[in-house]
């Protein structure tokens, strides 16, 4: 599903070049659920942005579903991102004036899908995350956990094979965070969607079948195996 080969990234400012990622190598198989974790400044958010095609590496290659992304034009990159990737953010990014249903349907507007079809698909996505009964409610009428479920439904409405979640439990209490992680496990199991979760929370990372630890722009540890799967499954 995802292949990263010798990826390097630096940011340039008045003080010169600041290395953020150094020769990162990583493969994620289709259907895996992974935590990408590490201290602040370890490079995990930069790596997530590169995987999500929101930025480009200085060196190295990123392949998504077999496609080498390096040579793609901006429009082709946007099309690949729209087709393959769903995003979930810490702050939900829901539009307050829209209902849950219309928030979820929004990505389908950009695909030119007819209104009736996109609303039907949005309703199905809300049902998948257990919020069918809240379709007509607006974000300010829902709890934080419910808002995140709407955001997850929006990420899934286009049926992407890869879901990128950036600190998805960061604004939630422990009970709501546990519910959201249980939902991720259910979606991974039932839909086969590949999920990569960026988190600084060790308890969230410990629940994941695979934990990728970043430090100083490199992969420090990559823990995957049958024993970990058995221990950490919900």
Protein backbone atom coordinates (compact mmCIF):
# COMPACT_ATOMS: atom_id res chain seq x y z
CA UNK A 1 0.00 0.00 0.00
CA UNK A 2 2.77 2.42 1.01
CA UNK A 3 6.50 2.32 0.29
CA UNK A 4 8.97 4.95 1.51
CA UNK A 5 12.56 4.70 0.31
CA UNK A 6 15.43 6.84 1.62
CA UNK A 7 13.22 9.89 2.16
CA UNK A 8 14.98 13.04 3.33
CA UNK A 9 13.38 16.40 4.12
CA UNK A 10 14.81 19.69 5.39
CA UNK A 11 13.29 23.11 5.94
CA UNK A 12 15.24 26.19 4.97
CA UNK A 13 15.20 29.51 6.79
CA UNK A 14 17.44 32.44 7.65
CA UNK A 15 19.61 30.25 9.82
CA UNK A 16 20.15 27.76 7.01
CA UNK A 17 18.90 24.25 6.41
CA UNK A 18 17.21 22.34 9.25
CA UNK A 19 17.09 18.56 8.66
CA UNK A 20 13.74 17.03 9.68
CA UNK A 21 13.83 13.57 8.09
CA UNK A 22 16.99 11.63 7.21
CA UNK A 23 16.88 8.59 4.90
CA UNK A 24 13.60 7.18 6.20
CA UNK A 25 12.61 3.74 4.93
CA UNK A 26 9.20 2.27 5.65
CA UNK A 27 6.71 -0.15 4.11
CA UNK A 28 3.07 -0.44 5.16
CA UNK A 29 1.08 -3.37 3.88
CA UNK A 30 -2.53 -3.10 2.78
CA UNK A 31 -4.86 -3.60 5.73
CA UNK A 32 -2.37 -2.75 8.49
CA UNK A 33 -3.20 -0.49 11.43
CA UNK A 34 -0.10 1.39 12.58
CA UNK A 35 0.79 4.01 15.15
CA UNK A 36 3.45 6.55 14.16
CA UNK A 37 4.76 7.92 17.41
CA UNK A 38 7.65 9.85 18.93
CA UNK A 39 8.46 13.01 20.85
CA UNK A 40 7.66 16.48 19.57
CA UNK A 41 10.14 17.34 16.82
CA UNK A 42 10.87 13.72 15.95
CA UNK A 43 9.60 14.17 12.38
CA UNK A 44 6.35 12.23 12.56
CA UNK A 45 4.10 15.10 11.39
CA UNK A 46 6.45 15.93 8.52
CA UNK A 47 6.43 12.29 7.47
CA UNK A 48 2.64 12.21 7.64
CA UNK A 49 2.45 15.30 5.41
CA UNK A 50 4.71 13.61 2.86
CA UNK A 51 2.68 10.41 2.92
CA UNK A 52 -0.50 12.46 2.52
CA UNK A 53 0.99 14.23 -0.54
CA UNK A 54 0.68 17.60 1.18
CA UNK A 55 4.42 18.16 0.70
CA UNK A 56 7.27 16.62 -1.30
CA UNK A 57 10.53 15.09 -0.05
CA UNK A 58 13.89 16.60 -0.96
CA UNK A 59 15.23 13.15 -1.75
CA UNK A 60 13.90 9.62 -1.92
CA UNK A 61 10.73 8.01 -3.23
CA UNK A 62 7.19 7.58 -1.94
CA UNK A 63 4.94 5.06 -3.66
CA UNK A 64 1.22 4.84 -2.96
CA UNK A 65 -0.64 1.81 -4.21
CA UNK A 66 2.20 1.19 -6.66
CA UNK A 67 2.33 4.77 -8.02
CA UNK A 68 5.61 6.68 -7.76
CA UNK A 69 4.48 10.12 -6.61
CA UNK A 70 7.71 11.99 -7.41
CA UNK A 71 6.96 12.72 -11.07
CA UNK A 72 3.28 13.59 -10.68
CA UNK A 73 1.99 17.03 -11.61
CA UNK A 74 0.12 19.08 -9.02
CA UNK A 75 -3.24 18.13 -10.54
CA UNK A 76 -2.33 14.43 -10.73
CA UNK A 77 -1.09 14.57 -7.13
CA UNK A 78 -4.39 16.10 -6.01
CA UNK A 79 -6.33 13.44 -7.91
CA UNK A 80 -4.31 10.61 -6.37
CA UNK A 81 -4.70 12.10 -2.89
CA UNK A 82 -8.47 12.46 -3.36
CA UNK A 83 -8.80 8.87 -4.59
CA UNK A 84 -6.49 7.03 -2.18
CA UNK A 85 -6.34 8.97 1.10
CA UNK A 86 -8.79 10.00 3.78
CA UNK A 87 -7.66 12.47 6.46
CA UNK A 88 -8.72 12.75 10.11
CA UNK A 89 -7.43 15.68 12.19
CA UNK A 90 -7.22 16.48 15.89
CA UNK A 91 -9.47 19.54 15.54
CA UNK A 92 -12.16 17.81 13.42
CA UNK A 93 -12.33 20.65 10.82
CA UNK A 94 -16.11 20.43 10.48
CA UNK A 95 -18.05 23.34 8.99
CA UNK A 96 -20.35 24.68 11.74
CA UNK A 97 -23.15 25.76 9.40
CA UNK A 98 -23.51 22.32 7.83
CA UNK A 99 -25.27 19.29 9.27
CA UNK A 100 -23.32 16.12 9.97
CA UNK A 101 -24.70 14.66 6.74
CA UNK A 102 -23.60 17.61 4.62
CA UNK A 103 -20.17 17.75 6.30
CA UNK A 104 -19.62 14.10 5.41
CA UNK A 105 -20.86 14.60 1.84
CA UNK A 106 -18.59 17.59 1.19
CA UNK A 107 -15.61 15.69 -0.34
CA UNK A 108 -17.95 14.19 -2.93
CA UNK A 109 -18.91 17.66 -4.15
CA UNK A 110 -15.37 18.04 -5.50
CA UNK A 111 -15.75 14.78 -7.40
CA UNK A 112 -18.81 16.09 -9.22
CA UNK A 113 -21.13 13.47 -7.74
CA UNK A 114 -24.85 14.25 -7.89
CA UNK A 115 -26.45 15.59 -4.71
CA UNK A 116 -28.79 12.65 -4.11
CA UNK A 117 -25.96 10.15 -4.56
CA UNK A 118 -23.51 11.95 -2.31
CA UNK A 119 -26.12 12.35 0.45
CA UNK A 120 -26.93 8.63 0.25
CA UNK A 121 -23.23 7.76 0.50
CA UNK A 122 -22.80 10.21 3.39
CA UNK A 123 -25.71 8.59 5.23
CA UNK A 124 -24.10 5.17 4.76
CA UNK A 125 -20.77 6.50 6.08
CA UNK A 126 -22.47 7.95 9.16
CA UNK A 127 -24.12 4.59 9.78
CA UNK A 128 -20.70 2.91 9.65
CA UNK A 129 -19.47 5.11 12.50
CA UNK A 130 -22.66 4.73 14.54
CA UNK A 131 -24.08 8.23 13.99
CA UNK A 132 -26.97 7.64 11.58
CA UNK A 133 -29.38 9.14 14.12
CA UNK A 134 -27.37 12.40 14.29
CA UNK A 135 -27.26 13.10 10.55
CA UNK A 136 -29.32 16.30 10.81
CA UNK A 137 -27.41 17.70 13.80
CA UNK A 138 -24.78 20.43 13.53
CA UNK A 139 -21.31 20.19 15.11
CA UNK A 140 -22.21 22.44 18.06
CA UNK A 141 -24.99 20.00 18.97
CA UNK A 142 -22.59 17.08 19.35
CA UNK A 143 -19.92 15.96 21.79
CA UNK A 144 -16.24 15.90 20.90
CA UNK A 145 -16.33 12.15 20.33
CA UNK A 146 -19.35 12.48 18.05
CA UNK A 147 -17.66 15.25 16.07
CA UNK A 148 -14.64 13.04 15.54
CA UNK A 149 -16.91 10.23 14.34
CA UNK A 150 -18.38 12.66 11.79
CA UNK A 151 -14.85 13.57 10.70
CA UNK A 152 -14.00 9.88 10.31
CA UNK A 153 -17.15 9.31 8.27
CA UNK A 154 -16.14 12.23 6.04
CA UNK A 155 -12.69 10.67 5.57
CA UNK A 156 -14.27 7.36 4.59
CA UNK A 157 -17.06 8.59 2.31
CA UNK A 158 -14.89 8.35 -0.82
CA UNK A 159 -13.87 4.75 0.04
CA UNK A 160 -10.11 5.47 0.24
CA UNK A 161 -7.82 2.47 0.90
CA UNK A 162 -5.61 4.56 3.23
CA UNK A 163 -6.71 6.57 6.27
CA UNK A 164 -4.27 9.07 7.86
CA UNK A 165 -5.22 10.23 11.35
CA UNK A 166 -3.19 13.05 12.93
CA UNK A 167 -3.58 12.99 16.75
CA UNK A 168 -7.25 11.93 16.36
CA UNK A 169 -7.77 11.57 20.12
CA UNK A 170 -5.85 14.70 21.15
CA UNK A 171 -8.96 16.78 21.91
CA UNK A 172 -10.92 13.97 23.59
CA UNK A 173 -11.26 12.70 27.14
CA UNK A 174 -10.02 9.18 27.89
CA UNK A 175 -13.43 7.54 27.46
CA UNK A 176 -14.08 9.18 24.09
CA UNK A 177 -10.51 8.43 22.98
CA UNK A 178 -11.01 4.77 23.80
CA UNK A 179 -14.25 4.75 21.78
CA UNK A 180 -12.52 6.30 18.77
CA UNK A 181 -9.71 3.75 18.89
CA UNK A 182 -12.27 0.95 19.08
CA UNK A 183 -13.94 2.43 16.02
CA UNK A 184 -10.63 2.50 14.13
CA UNK A 185 -10.11 -1.17 14.93
CA UNK A 186 -13.62 -2.01 13.71
CA UNK A 187 -13.18 -0.09 10.46
CA UNK A 188 -9.80 -1.71 9.85
CA UNK A 189 -11.26 -5.15 10.49
CA UNK A 190 -14.57 -4.74 8.64
CA UNK A 191 -13.55 -2.56 5.69
CA UNK A 192 -9.91 -3.58 5.30
CA UNK A 193 -8.82 0.06 5.21
CA UNK A 194 -5.15 0.71 5.99
CA UNK A 195 -4.85 3.12 8.95
CA UNK A 196 -1.84 5.15 10.05
CA UNK A 197 -2.32 7.07 13.31
CA UNK A 198 0.10 9.81 14.39
CA UNK A 199 0.08 10.06 18.17
CA UNK A 200 2.32 11.18 21.01
CA UNK A 201 0.14 9.24 23.51
CA UNK A 202 1.90 5.98 24.50
CA UNK A 203 -1.38 4.37 25.60
CA UNK A 204 -2.89 4.96 22.16
CA UNK A 205 0.24 3.71 20.40
CA UNK A 206 0.38 0.62 22.62
CA UNK A 207 -3.04 -0.50 21.41
CA UNK A 208 -1.97 -0.63 17.77
CA UNK A 209 -0.82 -3.88 16.16
CA UNK A 210 2.21 -2.05 14.75
CA UNK A 211 4.09 0.81 16.41
CA UNK A 212 6.61 2.88 14.43
CA UNK A 213 8.73 5.09 16.70
CA UNK A 214 10.43 8.21 15.31
CA UNK A 215 13.40 10.00 16.87
CA UNK A 216 15.48 12.82 15.38
CA UNK A 217 14.05 12.34 11.90
CA UNK A 218 14.66 8.59 11.72
CA UNK A 219 12.73 5.41 12.42
CA UNK A 220 14.07 4.29 15.80
CA UNK A 221 11.89 1.21 16.29
CA UNK A 222 9.34 -0.69 14.23
CA UNK A 223 7.43 -3.21 16.30
CA UNK A 224 5.26 -5.61 14.33
CA UNK A 225 4.47 -9.26 14.87
CA UNK A 226 2.01 -11.91 15.90
CA UNK A 227 2.71 -11.53 19.62
CA UNK A 228 2.05 -7.79 19.56
CA UNK A 229 -1.14 -8.33 17.53
CA UNK A 230 -2.38 -10.84 20.06
CA UNK A 231 -1.60 -8.60 23.04
CA UNK A 232 -2.93 -5.33 21.63
CA UNK A 233 -6.07 -6.36 19.80
CA UNK A 234 -9.13 -4.70 21.39
